[in-house]
């Protein structure tokens, strides 16, 4: 039996998901449900629907998160760089 291209793409997506979330890829791989069709292994329809729903839920949650991942430039408007402080103190 061979893996269908959609299964391979899904495994790649699970690897990306594990890297982004810091979760163990093994846990995600154990949940995969495959069906056999004409000598090929394909993703089970109900598994694929659940997986897509869970991924969309994570994306929705990430989109509504208000805390910035990195400080923005606007947050640093009133600070002076150490180089500029040194130049000003020499005058």
N, C-alpha and C. Protein backbone atom coordinates (compact mmCIF):
# COMPACT_ATOMS: atom_id res chain seq x y z
N UNK A 1 0.83 -1.19 0.00
CA UNK A 1 0.00 0.00 0.00
C UNK A 1 0.87 1.25 0.00
N UNK A 2 0.33 2.30 -0.59
CA UNK A 2 1.03 3.57 -0.66
C UNK A 2 0.22 4.65 0.04
N UNK A 3 0.93 5.65 0.55
CA UNK A 3 0.25 6.80 1.14
C UNK A 3 -0.23 7.73 0.03
N UNK A 4 -1.46 8.14 0.10
CA UNK A 4 -2.01 9.13 -0.82
C UNK A 4 -1.30 10.46 -0.59
N UNK A 5 -1.22 11.30 -1.61
CA UNK A 5 -0.56 12.61 -1.48
C UNK A 5 -1.18 13.46 -0.38
N UNK A 6 -2.49 13.34 -0.18
CA UNK A 6 -3.14 14.13 0.87
C UNK A 6 -2.66 13.70 2.26
N UNK A 7 -2.32 12.43 2.43
CA UNK A 7 -1.79 11.95 3.71
C UNK A 7 -0.41 12.54 3.95
N UNK A 8 0.42 12.55 2.92
CA UNK A 8 1.76 13.11 3.04
C UNK A 8 1.69 14.60 3.35
N UNK A 9 0.79 15.31 2.69
CA UNK A 9 0.62 16.74 2.96
C UNK A 9 0.13 16.96 4.38
N UNK A 10 -0.75 16.11 4.86
CA UNK A 10 -1.27 16.24 6.22
C UNK A 10 -0.17 15.99 7.25
N UNK A 11 0.69 15.03 6.99
CA UNK A 11 1.81 14.76 7.89
C UNK A 11 2.73 15.98 7.95
N UNK A 12 2.99 16.60 6.81
CA UNK A 12 3.80 17.82 6.79
C UNK A 12 3.13 18.92 7.61
N UNK A 13 1.81 19.04 7.50
CA UNK A 13 1.06 20.03 8.27
C UNK A 13 1.17 19.74 9.76
N UNK A 14 1.12 18.46 10.14
CA UNK A 14 1.24 18.10 11.55
C UNK A 14 2.63 18.42 12.09
N UNK A 15 3.66 18.25 11.27
CA UNK A 15 5.02 18.61 11.69
C UNK A 15 5.09 20.11 11.93
N UNK A 16 4.52 20.90 11.03
CA UNK A 16 4.50 22.36 11.20
C UNK A 16 3.73 22.74 12.45
N UNK A 17 2.61 22.11 12.67
CA UNK A 17 1.78 22.38 13.84
C UNK A 17 2.55 22.08 15.13
N UNK A 18 3.24 20.96 15.14
CA UNK A 18 4.02 20.59 16.32
C UNK A 18 5.13 21.60 16.58
N UNK A 19 5.77 22.08 15.53
CA UNK A 19 6.84 23.07 15.69
C UNK A 19 6.28 24.39 16.22
N UNK A 20 5.14 24.82 15.70
CA UNK A 20 4.55 26.09 16.11
C UNK A 20 4.01 26.05 17.54
N UNK A 21 3.45 24.92 17.93
CA UNK A 21 2.82 24.83 19.24
C UNK A 21 3.73 24.24 20.31
N UNK A 22 4.84 23.66 19.89
CA UNK A 22 5.74 23.03 20.85
C UNK A 22 5.21 21.71 21.36
N UNK A 23 4.31 21.09 20.61
CA UNK A 23 3.75 19.80 21.02
C UNK A 23 4.55 18.67 20.39
N UNK A 24 4.36 17.49 20.94
CA UNK A 24 5.06 16.30 20.46
C UNK A 24 4.38 15.79 19.19
N UNK A 25 5.12 15.66 18.12
CA UNK A 25 4.57 15.19 16.84
C UNK A 25 3.99 13.79 16.97
N UNK A 26 4.54 12.99 17.86
CA UNK A 26 4.06 11.62 18.03
C UNK A 26 2.60 11.61 18.46
N UNK A 27 2.23 12.52 19.36
CA UNK A 27 0.83 12.58 19.81
C UNK A 27 -0.10 12.89 18.63
N UNK A 28 0.32 13.81 17.77
CA UNK A 28 -0.50 14.15 16.60
C UNK A 28 -0.57 13.00 15.61
N UNK A 29 0.54 12.31 15.41
CA UNK A 29 0.57 11.20 14.45
C UNK A 29 -0.29 10.03 14.91
N UNK A 30 -0.35 9.80 16.21
CA UNK A 30 -1.15 8.68 16.74
C UNK A 30 -2.63 8.88 16.48
N UNK A 31 -3.07 10.10 16.30
CA UNK A 31 -4.49 10.38 16.12
C UNK A 31 -4.94 10.19 14.66
N UNK A 32 -4.01 10.07 13.72
CA UNK A 32 -4.38 9.93 12.30
C UNK A 32 -5.18 8.64 12.09
N UNK A 33 -6.26 8.77 11.33
CA UNK A 33 -7.08 7.61 10.96
C UNK A 33 -7.06 7.52 9.44
N UNK A 34 -6.64 6.36 8.94
CA UNK A 34 -6.53 6.14 7.49
C UNK A 34 -7.52 5.08 7.04
N UNK A 35 -7.91 5.18 5.79
CA UNK A 35 -8.75 4.16 5.17
C UNK A 35 -8.04 3.67 3.91
N UNK A 36 -8.33 2.45 3.50
CA UNK A 36 -7.72 1.87 2.30
C UNK A 36 -8.67 2.00 1.13
N UNK A 37 -8.13 2.45 -0.01
CA UNK A 37 -8.92 2.58 -1.21
C UNK A 37 -8.03 2.29 -2.42
N UNK A 38 -8.31 1.21 -3.12
CA UNK A 38 -7.56 0.82 -4.31
C UNK A 38 -6.06 0.74 -4.07
N UNK A 39 -5.67 0.16 -2.94
CA UNK A 39 -4.25 -0.02 -2.64
C UNK A 39 -3.56 1.23 -2.09
N UNK A 40 -4.32 2.29 -1.87
CA UNK A 40 -3.77 3.52 -1.31
C UNK A 40 -4.37 3.78 0.06
N UNK A 41 -3.57 4.34 0.95
CA UNK A 41 -4.07 4.77 2.25
C UNK A 41 -4.43 6.24 2.17
N UNK A 42 -5.67 6.56 2.55
CA UNK A 42 -6.17 7.92 2.49
C UNK A 42 -6.65 8.34 3.87
N UNK A 43 -6.74 9.65 4.09
CA UNK A 43 -7.25 10.15 5.35
C UNK A 43 -8.74 9.84 5.47
N UNK A 44 -9.14 9.37 6.64
CA UNK A 44 -10.55 9.12 6.91
C UNK A 44 -11.29 10.45 6.91
N UNK A 45 -12.46 10.48 6.30
CA UNK A 45 -13.22 11.73 6.16
C UNK A 45 -13.57 12.35 7.51
N UNK A 46 -14.02 11.54 8.47
CA UNK A 46 -14.40 12.10 9.77
C UNK A 46 -13.17 12.60 10.52
N UNK A 47 -12.02 11.90 10.39
CA UNK A 47 -10.79 12.38 11.01
C UNK A 47 -10.37 13.71 10.40
N UNK A 48 -10.41 13.80 9.08
CA UNK A 48 -10.00 15.02 8.40
C UNK A 48 -10.88 16.19 8.81
N UNK A 49 -12.17 15.97 8.94
CA UNK A 49 -13.09 17.03 9.37
C UNK A 49 -12.75 17.50 10.79
N UNK A 50 -12.52 16.55 11.71
CA UNK A 50 -12.15 16.91 13.09
C UNK A 50 -10.83 17.66 13.13
N UNK A 51 -9.87 17.19 12.37
CA UNK A 51 -8.55 17.82 12.34
C UNK A 51 -8.64 19.25 11.82
N UNK A 52 -9.36 19.44 10.72
CA UNK A 52 -9.52 20.78 10.15
C UNK A 52 -10.25 21.71 11.12
N UNK A 53 -11.25 21.19 11.82
CA UNK A 53 -11.99 21.99 12.81
C UNK A 53 -11.06 22.43 13.93
N UNK A 54 -10.23 21.51 14.42
CA UNK A 54 -9.30 21.84 15.50
C UNK A 54 -8.27 22.88 15.06
N UNK A 55 -7.75 22.73 13.87
CA UNK A 55 -6.76 23.68 13.35
C UNK A 55 -7.40 25.05 13.18
N UNK A 56 -8.61 25.10 12.64
CA UNK A 56 -9.30 26.38 12.47
C UNK A 56 -9.57 27.03 13.81
N UNK A 57 -9.92 26.23 14.82
CA UNK A 57 -10.16 26.77 16.16
C UNK A 57 -8.88 27.40 16.73
N UNK A 58 -7.74 26.75 16.51
CA UNK A 58 -6.46 27.32 16.96
C UNK A 58 -6.14 28.62 16.23
N UNK A 59 -6.38 28.64 14.92
CA UNK A 59 -6.13 29.85 14.15
C UNK A 59 -7.03 31.01 14.60
N UNK A 60 -8.29 30.69 14.87
CA UNK A 60 -9.22 31.71 15.36
C UNK A 60 -8.77 32.26 16.71
N UNK A 61 -8.33 31.38 17.57
CA UNK A 61 -7.85 31.81 18.89
C UNK A 61 -6.60 32.67 18.75
N UNK A 62 -5.70 32.28 17.87
CA UNK A 62 -4.47 33.06 17.66
C UNK A 62 -4.80 34.44 17.08
N UNK A 63 -5.81 34.51 16.22
CA UNK A 63 -6.18 35.78 15.60
C UNK A 63 -6.80 36.75 16.60
N UNK A 64 -7.40 36.23 17.66
CA UNK A 64 -8.05 37.10 18.64
C UNK A 64 -7.13 37.44 19.81
N UNK A 65 -5.94 36.88 19.84
CA UNK A 65 -5.00 37.19 20.90
C UNK A 65 -4.51 38.62 20.72
N UNK A 66 -4.57 39.41 21.79
CA UNK A 66 -4.21 40.83 21.68
C UNK A 66 -2.78 41.12 22.11
N UNK A 67 -2.14 40.23 22.82
CA UNK A 67 -0.78 40.49 23.29
C UNK A 67 0.18 40.40 22.11
N UNK A 68 1.01 41.43 21.90
CA UNK A 68 1.97 41.37 20.79
C UNK A 68 3.08 40.38 21.09
N UNK A 69 3.54 39.71 20.05
CA UNK A 69 4.64 38.76 20.22
C UNK A 69 5.97 39.48 20.41
N UNK A 70 6.14 40.60 19.72
CA UNK A 70 7.36 41.39 19.83
C UNK A 70 6.97 42.84 20.10
N UNK A 71 7.78 43.57 20.83
CA UNK A 71 7.42 44.97 21.05
C UNK A 71 7.43 45.72 19.73
N UNK A 72 6.49 46.63 19.58
CA UNK A 72 6.43 47.41 18.35
C UNK A 72 7.31 48.63 18.47
N UNK A 73 7.60 49.28 17.36
CA UNK A 73 8.44 50.47 17.34
C UNK A 73 7.78 51.58 18.15
N UNK A 74 6.45 51.68 18.07
CA UNK A 74 5.74 52.72 18.79
C UNK A 74 5.93 52.61 20.29
N UNK A 75 6.12 51.38 20.79
CA UNK A 75 6.32 51.18 22.23
C UNK A 75 7.64 51.76 22.71
N UNK A 76 8.58 52.02 21.80
CA UNK A 76 9.91 52.47 22.18
C UNK A 76 10.18 53.92 21.79
N UNK A 77 9.15 54.71 21.52
CA UNK A 77 9.33 56.09 21.08
C UNK A 77 10.06 56.95 22.10
N UNK A 78 9.82 56.74 23.39
CA UNK A 78 10.40 57.63 24.39
C UNK A 78 11.73 57.13 24.93
N UNK A 79 12.27 56.08 24.37
CA UNK A 79 13.56 55.59 24.83
C UNK A 79 14.66 56.08 23.90
N UNK A 80 15.83 56.26 24.46
CA UNK A 80 16.98 56.71 23.69
C UNK A 80 17.99 55.59 23.68
N UNK A 81 18.55 55.33 22.52
CA UNK A 81 19.50 54.24 22.41
C UNK A 81 20.76 54.56 23.21
N UNK A 82 21.48 53.54 23.69
CA UNK A 82 22.72 53.79 24.43
C UNK A 82 23.74 54.60 23.63
N UNK A 83 23.77 54.41 22.32
CA UNK A 83 24.70 55.17 21.48
C UNK A 83 24.35 56.65 21.51
N UNK A 84 23.07 56.96 21.39
CA UNK A 84 22.64 58.36 21.42
C UNK A 84 22.89 58.96 22.79
N UNK A 85 22.74 58.19 23.86
CA UNK A 85 23.00 58.71 25.21
C UNK A 85 24.47 59.06 25.35
N UNK A 86 25.36 58.22 24.84
CA UNK A 86 26.80 58.48 24.92
C UNK A 86 27.18 59.73 24.13
N UNK A 87 26.58 59.90 22.96
CA UNK A 87 26.89 61.08 22.15
C UNK A 87 26.42 62.35 22.85
N UNK A 88 25.25 62.31 23.48
CA UNK A 88 24.71 63.48 24.17
C UNK A 88 25.51 63.81 25.42
N UNK A 89 26.03 62.82 26.10
CA UNK A 89 26.76 63.09 27.35
C UNK A 89 28.14 63.66 27.10
N UNK A 90 28.70 63.46 25.92
CA UNK A 90 30.03 63.97 25.60
C UNK A 90 29.99 65.46 25.26
N UNK A 91 28.83 66.00 24.95
CA UNK A 91 28.73 67.41 24.53
C UNK A 91 28.68 68.33 25.68
